[in-house]
Amino acid sequence: MILYHIGKAIIEKPDIHYGRKNADFAQGFYLSNHLEFSLKWATFDKDSITYLNKYELDLNGLKIKEFTKDKDWFNYIYKNRNNYPDSLSEFDLIIGPISNDILYNTLGITTSGMLDLEKSYKLLTLGNSYTQFVIKTEKANSNLKFIESKIIKEEDVIKLKKKFKKEEKKFQKLFFKTLNKI
């Protein structure tokens, strides 16, 4: 399986303990199998280089938890975003939908008491989704083979970002329409 990670460094051997503990699937090394979606996360500034790191993951021997956009997925993300202990730490790899960028706002509205969990769940299951793969253990990390890194140039992703901007605007309209109904 081929996976991608965008970053400001060439990452031959990922550190699974680096990064936020309150991310969607808790702490780990996040990748995607969708090249265009990975490139969406490219950021550019005059003082740094952006790299597309490419890997091959061997799933053999790994304990894998795979989510769909369902209540288990929502509850796991909700707990992680609210700094609960990782309830799936026994898994080597977690695979599932990437929550939309509006997720944090939705959970912020929920934790403020303005929206209950059921309504938040309805909002978070809207729209298209891409898949994220999170390396959680050293065992899974040892099954991740670095293939190559390429420097990503801003001009190479401008058209792609326009495509995703259209997708995001469509999603936002659907999100707010649904929010107004509930």
C-alpha atoms as a PDB file:
ATOM      1  CA  MET A   1       0.000   0.000   0.000  1.00  0.00           C
ATOM      2  CA  ILE A   2       1.397   3.411  -1.003  1.00  0.00           C
ATOM      3  CA  LEU A   3       0.891   6.308   1.444  1.00  0.00           C
ATOM      4  CA  TYR A   4       1.900   9.980   1.519  1.00  0.00           C
ATOM      5  CA  HIS A   5       2.835  12.591   4.096  1.00  0.00           C
ATOM      6  CA  ILE A   6       3.420  16.308   3.457  1.00  0.00           C
ATOM      7  CA  GLY A   7       5.885  18.142   5.655  1.00  0.00           C
ATOM      8  CA  LYS A   8       8.730  20.582   5.975  1.00  0.00           C
ATOM      9  CA  ALA A   9      11.275  17.773   6.230  1.00  0.00           C
ATOM     10  CA  ILE A  10      12.299  14.535   4.603  1.00  0.00           C
ATOM     11  CA  ILE A  11      11.006  11.916   7.034  1.00  0.00           C
ATOM     12  CA  GLU A  12      12.682   8.595   6.428  1.00  0.00           C
ATOM     13  CA  LYS A  13      11.884   7.223   9.895  1.00  0.00           C
ATOM     14  CA  PRO A  14       8.772   8.859  11.410  1.00  0.00           C
ATOM     15  CA  ASP A  15       8.530   9.619  15.116  1.00  0.00           C
ATOM     16  CA  ILE A  16       5.123   8.288  16.168  1.00  0.00           C
ATOM     17  CA  HIS A  17       5.365  10.221  19.454  1.00  0.00           C
ATOM     18  CA  TYR A  18       5.680  13.597  17.734  1.00  0.00           C
ATOM     19  CA  GLY A  19       2.569  15.676  17.251  1.00  0.00           C
ATOM     20  CA  ARG A  20      -0.675  16.474  18.993  1.00  0.00           C
ATOM     21  CA  LYS A  21      -2.270  13.953  21.313  1.00  0.00           C
ATOM     22  CA  ASN A  22      -5.696  15.487  20.660  1.00  0.00           C
ATOM     23  CA  ALA A  23      -5.748  14.849  16.908  1.00  0.00           C
ATOM     24  CA  ASP A  24      -8.572  12.825  15.300  1.00  0.00           C
ATOM     25  CA  PHE A  25      -7.000   9.438  15.981  1.00  0.00           C
ATOM     26  CA  ALA A  26      -4.772  10.611  18.856  1.00  0.00           C
ATOM     27  CA  GLN A  27      -1.004  10.735  18.624  1.00  0.00           C
ATOM     28  CA  GLY A  28       0.742   8.953  15.785  1.00  0.00           C
ATOM     29  CA  PHE A  29       2.151   9.474  12.314  1.00  0.00           C
ATOM     30  CA  TYR A  30      -0.617  10.544   9.894  1.00  0.00           C
ATOM     31  CA  LEU A  31      -0.633   9.587   6.216  1.00  0.00           C
ATOM     32  CA  SER A  32      -3.092   9.395   3.341  1.00  0.00           C
ATOM     33  CA  ASN A  33      -3.416   7.065   0.383  1.00  0.00           C
ATOM     34  CA  HIS A  34      -4.798   9.920  -1.714  1.00  0.00           C
ATOM     35  CA  LEU A  35      -1.998  11.872  -3.383  1.00  0.00           C
ATOM     36  CA  GLU A  36      -4.063  14.943  -4.306  1.00  0.00           C
ATOM     37  CA  PHE A  37      -5.519  15.188  -0.827  1.00  0.00           C
ATOM     38  CA  SER A  38      -2.036  14.956   0.671  1.00  0.00           C
ATOM     39  CA  LEU A  39      -0.880  17.815  -1.526  1.00  0.00           C
ATOM     40  CA  LYS A  40      -3.774  19.917  -0.208  1.00  0.00           C
ATOM     41  CA  TRP A  41      -1.861  20.205   3.078  1.00  0.00           C
ATOM     42  CA  ALA A  42       1.233  21.697   1.441  1.00  0.00           C
ATOM     43  CA  THR A  43       2.184  25.074   2.872  1.00  0.00           C
ATOM     44  CA  PHE A  44       4.721  27.435   1.403  1.00  0.00           C
ATOM     45  CA  ASP A  45       6.900  30.207   2.722  1.00  0.00           C
ATOM     46  CA  LYS A  46      10.139  31.783   1.597  1.00  0.00           C
ATOM     47  CA  ASP A  47      12.208  30.244   4.384  1.00  0.00           C
ATOM     48  CA  SER A  48      11.394  26.559   4.027  1.00  0.00           C
ATOM     49  CA  ILE A  49      10.893  23.737   1.585  1.00  0.00           C
ATOM     50  CA  THR A  50       7.797  21.515   1.443  1.00  0.00           C
ATOM     51  CA  TYR A  51       8.294  17.805   0.825  1.00  0.00           C
ATOM     52  CA  LEU A  52       6.015  15.014  -0.286  1.00  0.00           C
ATOM     53  CA  ASN A  53       7.214  11.885   1.512  1.00  0.00           C
ATOM     54  CA  LYS A  54       6.157   8.610  -0.075  1.00  0.00           C
ATOM     55  CA  TYR A  55       5.991   5.273   1.764  1.00  0.00           C
ATOM     56  CA  GLU A  56       4.962   1.677   1.329  1.00  0.00           C
ATOM     57  CA  LEU A  57       3.126   0.060   4.240  1.00  0.00           C
ATOM     58  CA  ASP A  58       3.075  -3.702   4.760  1.00  0.00           C
ATOM     59  CA  LEU A  59      -0.124  -4.549   6.665  1.00  0.00           C
ATOM     60  CA  ASN A  60       0.947  -8.119   7.480  1.00  0.00           C
ATOM     61  CA  GLY A  61       1.030  -8.855  11.190  1.00  0.00           C
ATOM     62  CA  LEU A  62      -0.515  -5.547  12.231  1.00  0.00           C
ATOM     63  CA  LYS A  63      -3.484  -5.129  14.531  1.00  0.00           C
ATOM     64  CA  ILE A  64      -5.691  -2.724  12.553  1.00  0.00           C
ATOM     65  CA  LYS A  65      -8.780  -0.747  13.511  1.00  0.00           C
ATOM     66  CA  GLU A  66     -10.701   0.513  10.494  1.00  0.00           C
ATOM     67  CA  PHE A  67     -13.492   3.057  10.848  1.00  0.00           C
ATOM     68  CA  THR A  68     -16.301   4.189   8.610  1.00  0.00           C
ATOM     69  CA  LYS A  69     -18.213   7.432   9.209  1.00  0.00           C
ATOM     70  CA  ASP A  70     -20.273   5.982  12.031  1.00  0.00           C
ATOM     71  CA  LYS A  71     -20.889   6.650  15.708  1.00  0.00           C
ATOM     72  CA  ASP A  72     -17.822   4.680  16.838  1.00  0.00           C
ATOM     73  CA  TRP A  73     -15.673   6.899  14.595  1.00  0.00           C
ATOM     74  CA  PHE A  74     -17.366  10.043  15.908  1.00  0.00           C
ATOM     75  CA  ASN A  75     -17.024   9.006  19.558  1.00  0.00           C
ATOM     76  CA  TYR A  76     -13.346   8.131  19.149  1.00  0.00           C
ATOM     77  CA  ILE A  77     -12.590  11.499  17.521  1.00  0.00           C
ATOM     78  CA  TYR A  78     -14.691  13.352  20.084  1.00  0.00           C
ATOM     79  CA  LYS A  79     -12.805  11.768  22.971  1.00  0.00           C
ATOM     80  CA  ASN A  80      -9.405  12.354  21.371  1.00  0.00           C
ATOM     81  CA  ARG A  81     -10.203  15.979  20.615  1.00  0.00           C
ATOM     82  CA  ASN A  82     -11.186  16.406  24.265  1.00  0.00           C
ATOM     83  CA  ASN A  83      -7.960  14.832  25.581  1.00  0.00           C
ATOM     84  CA  TYR A  84      -9.379  11.569  26.890  1.00  0.00           C
ATOM     85  CA  PRO A  85      -6.827   8.738  27.119  1.00  0.00           C
ATOM     86  CA  ASP A  86      -6.496   6.917  23.783  1.00  0.00           C
ATOM     87  CA  SER A  87      -8.986   4.048  24.019  1.00  0.00           C
ATOM     88  CA  LEU A  88      -7.496   2.226  21.014  1.00  0.00           C
ATOM     89  CA  SER A  89      -3.821   2.307  21.958  1.00  0.00           C
ATOM     90  CA  GLU A  90      -3.542  -1.474  21.499  1.00  0.00           C
ATOM     91  CA  PHE A  91      -3.899  -1.064  17.717  1.00  0.00           C
ATOM     92  CA  ASP A  92      -0.835  -0.708  15.500  1.00  0.00           C
ATOM     93  CA  LEU A  93      -2.677   1.163  12.768  1.00  0.00           C
ATOM     94  CA  ILE A  94      -5.935   3.096  12.648  1.00  0.00           C
ATOM     95  CA  ILE A  95      -7.611   3.769   9.313  1.00  0.00           C
ATOM     96  CA  GLY A  96     -10.653   5.921   8.787  1.00  0.00           C
ATOM     97  CA  PRO A  97     -12.259   9.019   7.351  1.00  0.00           C
ATOM     98  CA  ILE A  98     -10.591  12.352   7.878  1.00  0.00           C
ATOM     99  CA  SER A  99     -12.977  14.625   9.679  1.00  0.00           C
ATOM    100  CA  ASN A 100     -13.760  17.773   7.763  1.00  0.00           C
ATOM    101  CA  ASP A 101     -11.737  20.871   8.605  1.00  0.00           C
ATOM    102  CA  ILE A 102     -14.796  22.263  10.308  1.00  0.00           C
ATOM    103  CA  LEU A 103     -14.593  19.438  12.896  1.00  0.00           C
ATOM    104  CA  TYR A 104     -12.905  21.491  15.575  1.00  0.00           C
ATOM    105  CA  ASN A 105     -15.557  24.199  15.250  1.00  0.00           C
ATOM    106  CA  THR A 106     -18.307  21.592  15.496  1.00  0.00           C
ATOM    107  CA  LEU A 107     -16.803  20.105  18.623  1.00  0.00           C
ATOM    108  CA  GLY A 108     -16.282  23.594  20.015  1.00  0.00           C
ATOM    109  CA  ILE A 109     -19.984  24.290  19.540  1.00  0.00           C
ATOM    110  CA  THR A 110     -20.759  20.929  21.164  1.00  0.00           C
ATOM    111  CA  THR A 111     -18.535  21.426  24.215  1.00  0.00           C
ATOM    112  CA  SER A 112     -19.975  24.915  24.696  1.00  0.00           C
ATOM    113  CA  GLY A 113     -23.415  23.341  25.111  1.00  0.00           C
ATOM    114  CA  MET A 114     -24.883  24.895  21.972  1.00  0.00           C
ATOM    115  CA  LEU A 115     -25.092  21.577  20.134  1.00  0.00           C
ATOM    116  CA  ASP A 116     -25.635  18.083  21.486  1.00  0.00           C
ATOM    117  CA  LEU A 117     -23.580  15.059  20.444  1.00  0.00           C
ATOM    118  CA  GLU A 118     -26.280  13.647  18.155  1.00  0.00           C
ATOM    119  CA  LYS A 119     -26.486  16.891  16.170  1.00  0.00           C
ATOM    120  CA  SER A 120     -22.695  17.121  16.011  1.00  0.00           C
ATOM    121  CA  TYR A 121     -22.579  13.596  14.659  1.00  0.00           C
ATOM    122  CA  LYS A 122     -25.056  14.527  11.903  1.00  0.00           C
ATOM    123  CA  LEU A 123     -22.902  17.485  10.905  1.00  0.00           C
ATOM    124  CA  LEU A 124     -19.672  15.512  10.878  1.00  0.00           C
ATOM    125  CA  THR A 125     -21.005  12.787   8.621  1.00  0.00           C
ATOM    126  CA  LEU A 126     -21.817  15.260   5.843  1.00  0.00           C
ATOM    127  CA  GLY A 127     -19.884  15.584   2.629  1.00  0.00           C
ATOM    128  CA  ASN A 128     -17.012  13.774   0.967  1.00  0.00           C
ATOM    129  CA  SER A 129     -14.279  12.213   2.980  1.00  0.00           C
ATOM    130  CA  TYR A 130     -10.760  11.074   2.448  1.00  0.00           C
ATOM    131  CA  THR A 131      -8.977   8.364   4.362  1.00  0.00           C
ATOM    132  CA  GLN A 132      -6.247   8.815   6.934  1.00  0.00           C
ATOM    133  CA  PHE A 133      -3.850   6.154   8.139  1.00  0.00           C
ATOM    134  CA  VAL A 134      -2.273   6.628  11.554  1.00  0.00           C
ATOM    135  CA  ILE A 135       0.804   4.680  12.569  1.00  0.00           C
ATOM    136  CA  LYS A 136       0.359   4.148  16.326  1.00  0.00           C
ATOM    137  CA  THR A 137       3.094   1.675  17.326  1.00  0.00           C
ATOM    138  CA  GLU A 138       6.741   0.959  16.623  1.00  0.00           C
ATOM    139  CA  LYS A 139       5.637  -2.371  15.143  1.00  0.00           C
ATOM    140  CA  ALA A 140       3.605  -0.569  12.471  1.00  0.00           C
ATOM    141  CA  ASN A 141       6.362   1.984  12.045  1.00  0.00           C
ATOM    142  CA  SER A 142       8.812  -0.814  11.258  1.00  0.00           C
ATOM    143  CA  ASN A 143       6.402  -1.996   8.515  1.00  0.00           C
ATOM    144  CA  LEU A 144       6.504   1.472   6.926  1.00  0.00           C
ATOM    145  CA  LYS A 145       9.163   1.633   4.216  1.00  0.00           C
ATOM    146  CA  PHE A 146      10.349   5.045   3.067  1.00  0.00           C
ATOM    147  CA  ILE A 147      10.394   5.206  -0.742  1.00  0.00           C
ATOM    148  CA  GLU A 148      11.274   8.801  -1.612  1.00  0.00           C
ATOM    149  CA  SER A 149      10.772  12.486  -0.982  1.00  0.00           C
ATOM    150  CA  LYS A 150      10.063  15.119  -3.566  1.00  0.00           C
ATOM    151  CA  ILE A 151      10.194  18.854  -3.224  1.00  0.00           C
ATOM    152  CA  ILE A 152       6.766  20.324  -3.833  1.00  0.00           C
ATOM    153  CA  LYS A 153       6.574  23.674  -5.567  1.00  0.00           C
ATOM    154  CA  GLU A 154       3.760  26.090  -4.866  1.00  0.00           C
ATOM    155  CA  GLU A 155       2.877  26.511  -8.529  1.00  0.00           C
ATOM    156  CA  ASP A 156       2.356  22.740  -8.764  1.00  0.00           C
ATOM    157  CA  VAL A 157      -0.455  22.784  -6.204  1.00  0.00           C
ATOM    158  CA  ILE A 158      -2.219  26.088  -6.927  1.00  0.00           C
ATOM    159  CA  LYS A 159      -4.680  24.487  -9.391  1.00  0.00           C
ATOM    160  CA  LEU A 160      -5.230  21.584  -7.005  1.00  0.00           C
ATOM    161  CA  LYS A 161      -5.969  23.942  -4.109  1.00  0.00           C
ATOM    162  CA  LYS A 162      -8.576  25.706  -6.260  1.00  0.00           C
ATOM    163  CA  LYS A 163     -10.281  22.349  -6.810  1.00  0.00           C
ATOM    164  CA  PHE A 164     -10.354  21.668  -3.085  1.00  0.00           C
ATOM    165  CA  LYS A 165     -11.540  25.209  -2.362  1.00  0.00           C
ATOM    166  CA  LYS A 166     -14.612  24.536  -4.532  1.00  0.00           C
ATOM    167  CA  GLU A 167     -15.190  21.269  -2.686  1.00  0.00           C
ATOM    168  CA  GLU A 168     -14.861  23.045   0.680  1.00  0.00           C
ATOM    169  CA  LYS A 169     -17.322  25.798  -0.306  1.00  0.00           C
ATOM    170  CA  LYS A 170     -19.855  23.173  -1.383  1.00  0.00           C
ATOM    171  CA  PHE A 171     -19.355  21.374   1.931  1.00  0.00           C
ATOM    172  CA  GLN A 172     -19.689  24.593   3.948  1.00  0.00           C
ATOM    173  CA  LYS A 173     -23.021  25.384   2.257  1.00  0.00           C
ATOM    174  CA  LEU A 174     -24.271  21.899   3.102  1.00  0.00           C
ATOM    175  CA  PHE A 175     -22.916  22.204   6.649  1.00  0.00           C
ATOM    176  CA  PHE A 176     -24.644  25.510   7.379  1.00  0.00           C
ATOM    177  CA  LYS A 177     -27.870  24.435   5.680  1.00  0.00           C
ATOM    178  CA  THR A 178     -27.930  21.328   7.885  1.00  0.00           C
ATOM    179  CA  LEU A 179     -26.928  23.333  10.981  1.00  0.00           C
ATOM    180  CA  ASN A 180     -29.857  25.690  10.419  1.00  0.00           C
ATOM    181  CA  LYS A 181     -32.264  22.737  10.170  1.00  0.00           C
ATOM    182  CA  ILE A 182     -31.147  21.141  13.412  1.00  0.00           C
END
